[in-house]
Amino acid sequence: MVARQRAFAALALFGMVLALPRVERVARASSQVVLAVVVARGSAVQNVRLEELKRIFTNEGDRDALGQRYAPVNHAPRTTDRAAFDAIVLGMSAEEVSQFWIERRIRGSPRPPRSVDSISLLLRLIARLPGGMTYARPAQLTGAVRAVRVNGKLPGDPDYPLIFCE
C-alpha cells in the first residue's frame, strides 16, 4: 500500500512538472501587449512602414499621401507604452531618446513630438489634430480614431510588429 501511494505521489509530481512549461507559456502570452498606430477616423493614412514611423516620430518631415504633414504625439515619458514604442520603433531606450532630442535641439533641428499624460486626452487630440498620429492599446481606441496597418498588418494579425511583453 505504501509503495502504491509513493508511486501515485511520484506520478502526480511528474504530471505537475510536465504542466509547468504550459503554464509558463500561458502566463507569457497573457503579458503580451499590442500597440496600435492611431489616426483620426477620417485620415487618409491606411498603412505605414516601421521606417516611416521612425521618421514621423523623430520629426524628419514625412507627409501623408495627400501632402498633410504628420503631427506625432507621444505618451508621457517613462510610461510603459512609451518605452516600448521607443524601443521597437526608434530602437532607443528612454535615456537614448532624451540624448537624441538634446543633440537635435543643440543643432537647431525640429523639436520632439508633444507628449500627453492622459490617454483619453491623447485620443481626443488625435481625433481633431490634422495629421495627428499616436499609438495606443487597441482596447483604448474610441470611435473617433482608428488603427492603421503597420508594414501591412493590423493589430492582431500574425507578425504584427508592435508587440511587447509587459
Protein backbone atom coordinates (compact mmCIF):
# COMPACT_ATOMS: atom_id res chain seq x y z
CA MET A 1 0.00 0.00 0.00
CA VAL A 2 2.84 2.40 0.89
CA ALA A 3 4.61 1.61 -2.39
CA ARG A 4 1.40 2.34 -4.28
CA GLN A 5 0.99 5.73 -2.50
CA ARG A 6 4.61 6.63 -3.32
CA ALA A 7 4.10 5.66 -6.96
CA PHE A 8 0.93 7.76 -7.10
CA ALA A 9 2.73 10.73 -5.50
CA ALA A 10 5.63 10.38 -7.95
CA LEU A 11 3.18 10.22 -10.86
CA ALA A 12 1.37 13.34 -9.59
CA LEU A 13 4.67 15.19 -9.22
CA PHE A 14 5.71 14.14 -12.73
CA GLY A 15 2.39 15.44 -14.08
CA MET A 16 2.90 18.78 -12.35
CA VAL A 17 6.40 19.09 -13.81
CA LEU A 18 5.06 18.37 -17.30
CA ALA A 19 2.39 21.04 -16.82
CA LEU A 20 4.89 23.76 -15.84
CA PRO A 21 6.04 24.73 -19.34
CA ARG A 22 2.42 25.04 -20.49
CA VAL A 23 1.55 27.27 -17.53
CA GLU A 24 4.63 29.38 -18.26
CA ARG A 25 3.59 29.78 -21.93
CA VAL A 26 0.09 30.86 -20.91
CA ALA A 27 1.50 33.40 -18.45
CA ARG A 28 3.85 34.81 -21.10
CA ALA A 29 1.09 35.06 -23.69
CA SER A 30 -1.17 36.97 -21.32
CA SER A 31 1.54 39.56 -20.63
CA GLN A 32 2.00 40.48 -24.30
CA VAL A 33 0.81 43.96 -25.15
CA VAL A 34 -0.09 45.22 -28.61
CA LEU A 35 0.24 48.88 -29.59
CA ALA A 36 -1.88 50.14 -32.47
CA VAL A 37 -0.75 53.12 -34.53
CA VAL A 38 -3.67 55.52 -34.32
CA VAL A 39 -5.00 58.30 -36.55
CA ALA A 40 -8.28 60.22 -36.79
CA ARG A 41 -11.19 58.24 -38.21
CA GLY A 42 -11.22 60.40 -41.40
CA SER A 43 -7.46 60.32 -42.00
CA ALA A 44 -6.23 59.23 -45.44
CA VAL A 45 -3.45 57.17 -43.83
CA GLN A 46 -4.07 53.45 -44.26
CA ASN A 47 -0.61 51.91 -43.81
CA VAL A 48 2.81 52.99 -42.51
CA ARG A 49 6.08 51.15 -42.57
CA LEU A 50 8.16 50.89 -39.41
CA GLU A 51 10.85 53.03 -41.08
CA GLU A 52 8.24 55.75 -41.78
CA LEU A 53 7.11 55.66 -38.14
CA LYS A 54 10.67 56.30 -37.06
CA ARG A 55 10.90 59.33 -39.36
CA ILE A 56 7.50 60.60 -38.23
CA PHE A 57 8.30 60.30 -34.51
CA THR A 58 11.75 61.86 -34.95
CA ASN A 59 10.15 64.82 -36.80
CA GLU A 60 12.06 64.25 -40.00
CA GLY A 61 9.32 65.83 -42.11
CA ASP A 62 7.23 63.00 -43.53
CA ARG A 63 3.85 63.79 -45.05
CA ASP A 64 0.89 61.55 -45.80
CA ALA A 65 -0.35 60.65 -49.32
CA LEU A 66 -2.39 63.88 -49.51
CA GLY A 67 0.59 66.03 -48.53
CA GLN A 68 -0.62 66.62 -44.96
CA ARG A 69 2.33 66.97 -42.56
CA TYR A 70 2.23 64.38 -39.78
CA ALA A 71 1.75 65.64 -36.24
CA PRO A 72 3.03 62.86 -33.95
CA VAL A 73 2.02 62.86 -30.30
CA ASN A 74 3.67 60.66 -27.67
CA HIS A 75 2.59 59.22 -24.37
CA ALA A 76 4.22 60.78 -21.32
CA PRO A 77 7.91 59.96 -20.87
CA ARG A 78 8.78 56.87 -18.82
CA THR A 79 5.38 55.19 -19.31
CA THR A 80 5.40 51.51 -20.24
CA ASP A 81 3.82 52.08 -23.65
CA ARG A 82 6.16 54.96 -24.49
CA ALA A 83 9.26 52.96 -23.52
CA ALA A 84 8.10 50.00 -25.62
CA PHE A 85 7.24 52.21 -28.62
CA ASP A 86 10.60 53.97 -28.43
CA ALA A 87 12.43 50.63 -28.22
CA ILE A 88 10.53 48.98 -31.10
CA VAL A 89 10.14 51.93 -33.47
CA LEU A 90 13.07 54.22 -32.68
CA GLY A 91 15.41 51.48 -31.49
CA MET A 92 16.30 53.58 -28.42
CA SER A 93 15.96 53.43 -24.65
CA ALA A 94 14.43 56.33 -22.70
CA GLU A 95 17.91 57.70 -21.98
CA GLU A 96 18.93 57.45 -25.64
CA VAL A 97 15.74 59.22 -26.75
CA SER A 98 16.45 62.05 -24.29
CA GLN A 99 20.01 62.35 -25.58
CA PHE A 100 18.78 62.27 -29.20
CA TRP A 101 16.47 65.24 -28.61
CA ILE A 102 19.11 67.19 -26.67
CA GLU A 103 21.51 66.80 -29.60
CA ARG A 104 18.80 67.78 -32.08
CA ARG A 105 17.94 70.90 -30.05
CA ILE A 106 21.61 71.94 -29.95
CA ARG A 107 21.72 71.71 -33.77
CA GLY A 108 18.52 73.74 -34.13
CA SER A 109 16.54 70.81 -35.55
CA PRO A 110 12.78 70.38 -35.08
CA ARG A 111 11.53 69.85 -31.55
CA PRO A 112 10.35 66.46 -30.27
CA PRO A 113 6.71 65.41 -30.62
CA ARG A 114 4.36 66.69 -27.95
CA SER A 115 3.61 64.37 -25.04
CA VAL A 116 0.22 63.97 -23.39
CA ASP A 117 -0.27 62.36 -19.96
CA SER A 118 -3.88 61.20 -20.30
CA ILE A 119 -4.78 58.52 -22.86
CA SER A 120 -8.32 59.89 -23.22
CA LEU A 121 -7.00 63.40 -23.87
CA LEU A 122 -4.39 61.98 -26.26
CA LEU A 123 -7.04 60.20 -28.34
CA ARG A 124 -9.34 63.27 -28.37
CA LEU A 125 -6.40 65.35 -29.58
CA ILE A 126 -5.56 62.89 -32.37
CA ALA A 127 -9.20 62.84 -33.49
CA ARG A 128 -9.08 66.62 -34.04
CA LEU A 129 -5.45 67.28 -34.99
CA PRO A 130 -4.82 67.37 -38.76
CA GLY A 131 -2.11 64.82 -39.49
CA GLY A 132 -2.23 63.58 -35.89
CA MET A 133 -0.72 60.19 -35.14
CA THR A 134 -0.06 58.32 -31.92
CA TYR A 135 -0.11 54.78 -30.54
CA ALA A 136 -2.39 53.09 -28.03
CA ARG A 137 -3.58 49.70 -26.94
CA PRO A 138 -6.45 48.55 -29.19
CA ALA A 139 -8.89 48.29 -26.26
CA GLN A 140 -8.35 52.01 -25.57
CA LEU A 141 -9.48 53.19 -29.03
CA THR A 142 -12.63 55.27 -29.36
CA GLY A 143 -14.98 55.74 -32.31
CA ALA A 144 -13.22 58.98 -33.26
CA VAL A 145 -9.91 57.26 -34.07
CA ARG A 146 -8.80 54.12 -35.84
CA ALA A 147 -5.78 51.85 -36.11
CA VAL A 148 -3.72 51.83 -39.29
CA ARG A 149 -1.72 48.99 -40.74
CA VAL A 150 1.96 48.78 -39.85
CA ASN A 151 4.03 47.02 -42.51
CA GLY A 152 0.70 45.89 -44.00
CA LYS A 153 -0.55 44.30 -40.76
CA LEU A 154 -3.27 45.32 -38.32
CA PRO A 155 -3.04 44.66 -34.57
CA GLY A 156 -3.93 41.03 -34.02
CA ASP A 157 -2.53 39.87 -37.38
CA PRO A 158 0.34 37.36 -37.29
CA ASP A 159 3.75 39.06 -37.33
CA TYR A 160 2.34 42.46 -36.33
CA PRO A 161 5.48 44.40 -35.31
CA LEU A 162 4.30 46.47 -32.33
CA ILE A 163 4.08 43.83 -29.62
CA PHE A 164 5.98 43.79 -26.34
CA CYS A 165 5.92 41.91 -23.05
CA GLU A 166 4.84 43.88 -20.03
